[in-house]
Amino acid sequence: MSNSNEATAEKNSLRIAYQDFAKKAREQGFNAIAMVFENIATTEKQHEHSQVKQ
């Protein structure tokens, strides 16, 4: 696996982790914290897409 593929896989797994954190936070009633994790996941996805285009 190339370095760029490894980086993409790592970023994807981090994004999924942030989504999972958001879900757990929301389930426990921490809506503001869930929103922070969701925003991080969205930012990671946008960053990933911008790196692919370059």
C-alpha atoms as a PDB file:
ATOM      1  CA  MET A   1       0.000   0.000   0.000  1.00  0.00           C
ATOM      2  CA  SER A   2       1.385   3.429  -0.912  1.00  0.00           C
ATOM      3  CA  ASN A   3       1.837   6.197   1.605  1.00  0.00           C
ATOM      4  CA  SER A   4      -1.053   8.175   0.137  1.00  0.00           C
ATOM      5  CA  ASN A   5      -3.339   5.132   0.335  1.00  0.00           C
ATOM      6  CA  GLU A   6      -2.294   4.554   3.934  1.00  0.00           C
ATOM      7  CA  ALA A   7      -2.978   8.189   4.786  1.00  0.00           C
ATOM      8  CA  THR A   8      -6.396   8.046   3.123  1.00  0.00           C
ATOM      9  CA  ALA A   9      -7.303   4.853   4.985  1.00  0.00           C
ATOM     10  CA  GLU A  10      -6.183   6.391   8.266  1.00  0.00           C
ATOM     11  CA  LYS A  11      -8.198   9.566   7.687  1.00  0.00           C
ATOM     12  CA  ASN A  12     -11.237   7.485   6.748  1.00  0.00           C
ATOM     13  CA  SER A  13     -10.975   5.449   9.941  1.00  0.00           C
ATOM     14  CA  LEU A  14     -10.599   8.635  11.987  1.00  0.00           C
ATOM     15  CA  ARG A  15     -13.683  10.117  10.330  1.00  0.00           C
ATOM     16  CA  ILE A  16     -15.653   6.990  11.174  1.00  0.00           C
ATOM     17  CA  ALA A  17     -14.384   7.149  14.764  1.00  0.00           C
ATOM     18  CA  TYR A  18     -15.547  10.779  15.066  1.00  0.00           C
ATOM     19  CA  GLN A  19     -18.963   9.769  13.739  1.00  0.00           C
ATOM     20  CA  ASP A  20     -19.122   6.982  16.325  1.00  0.00           C
ATOM     21  CA  PHE A  21     -18.103   9.398  19.099  1.00  0.00           C
ATOM     22  CA  ALA A  22     -20.865  11.758  17.973  1.00  0.00           C
ATOM     23  CA  LYS A  23     -23.443   8.991  18.036  1.00  0.00           C
ATOM     24  CA  LYS A  24     -22.451   7.912  21.548  1.00  0.00           C
ATOM     25  CA  ALA A  25     -22.424  11.485  22.807  1.00  0.00           C
ATOM     26  CA  ARG A  26     -25.890  12.110  21.354  1.00  0.00           C
ATOM     27  CA  GLU A  27     -27.215   8.871  22.893  1.00  0.00           C
ATOM     28  CA  GLN A  28     -25.970  10.069  26.283  1.00  0.00           C
ATOM     29  CA  GLY A  29     -27.591  13.473  25.879  1.00  0.00           C
ATOM     30  CA  PHE A  30     -24.444  15.450  25.044  1.00  0.00           C
ATOM     31  CA  ASN A  31     -25.800  17.106  21.919  1.00  0.00           C
ATOM     32  CA  ALA A  32     -23.284  19.968  21.847  1.00  0.00           C
ATOM     33  CA  ILE A  33     -20.374  17.535  22.067  1.00  0.00           C
ATOM     34  CA  ALA A  34     -21.971  15.367  19.386  1.00  0.00           C
ATOM     35  CA  MET A  35     -22.132  18.386  17.100  1.00  0.00           C
ATOM     36  CA  VAL A  36     -18.417  19.056  17.639  1.00  0.00           C
ATOM     37  CA  PHE A  37     -17.534  15.487  16.641  1.00  0.00           C
ATOM     38  CA  GLU A  38     -19.864  15.688  13.625  1.00  0.00           C
ATOM     39  CA  ASN A  39     -18.183  18.926  12.535  1.00  0.00           C
ATOM     40  CA  ILE A  40     -14.757  17.333  12.854  1.00  0.00           C
ATOM     41  CA  ALA A  41     -15.902  14.341  10.775  1.00  0.00           C
ATOM     42  CA  THR A  42     -17.295  16.670   8.096  1.00  0.00           C
ATOM     43  CA  THR A  43     -14.090  18.705   8.036  1.00  0.00           C
ATOM     44  CA  GLU A  44     -11.997  15.550   7.721  1.00  0.00           C
ATOM     45  CA  LYS A  45     -14.129  14.400   4.776  1.00  0.00           C
ATOM     46  CA  GLN A  46     -13.809  17.769   3.036  1.00  0.00           C
ATOM     47  CA  HIS A  47     -10.056  17.776   3.626  1.00  0.00           C
ATOM     48  CA  GLU A  48      -9.785  14.253   2.242  1.00  0.00           C
ATOM     49  CA  HIS A  49     -11.644  15.272  -0.921  1.00  0.00           C
ATOM     50  CA  SER A  50      -9.468  18.349  -1.393  1.00  0.00           C
ATOM     51  CA  GLN A  51      -6.321  16.214  -1.120  1.00  0.00           C
ATOM     52  CA  VAL A  52      -7.591  13.738  -3.729  1.00  0.00           C
ATOM     53  CA  LYS A  53      -8.198  16.550  -6.237  1.00  0.00           C
ATOM     54  CA  GLN A  54      -4.615  17.823  -5.973  1.00  0.00           C
END
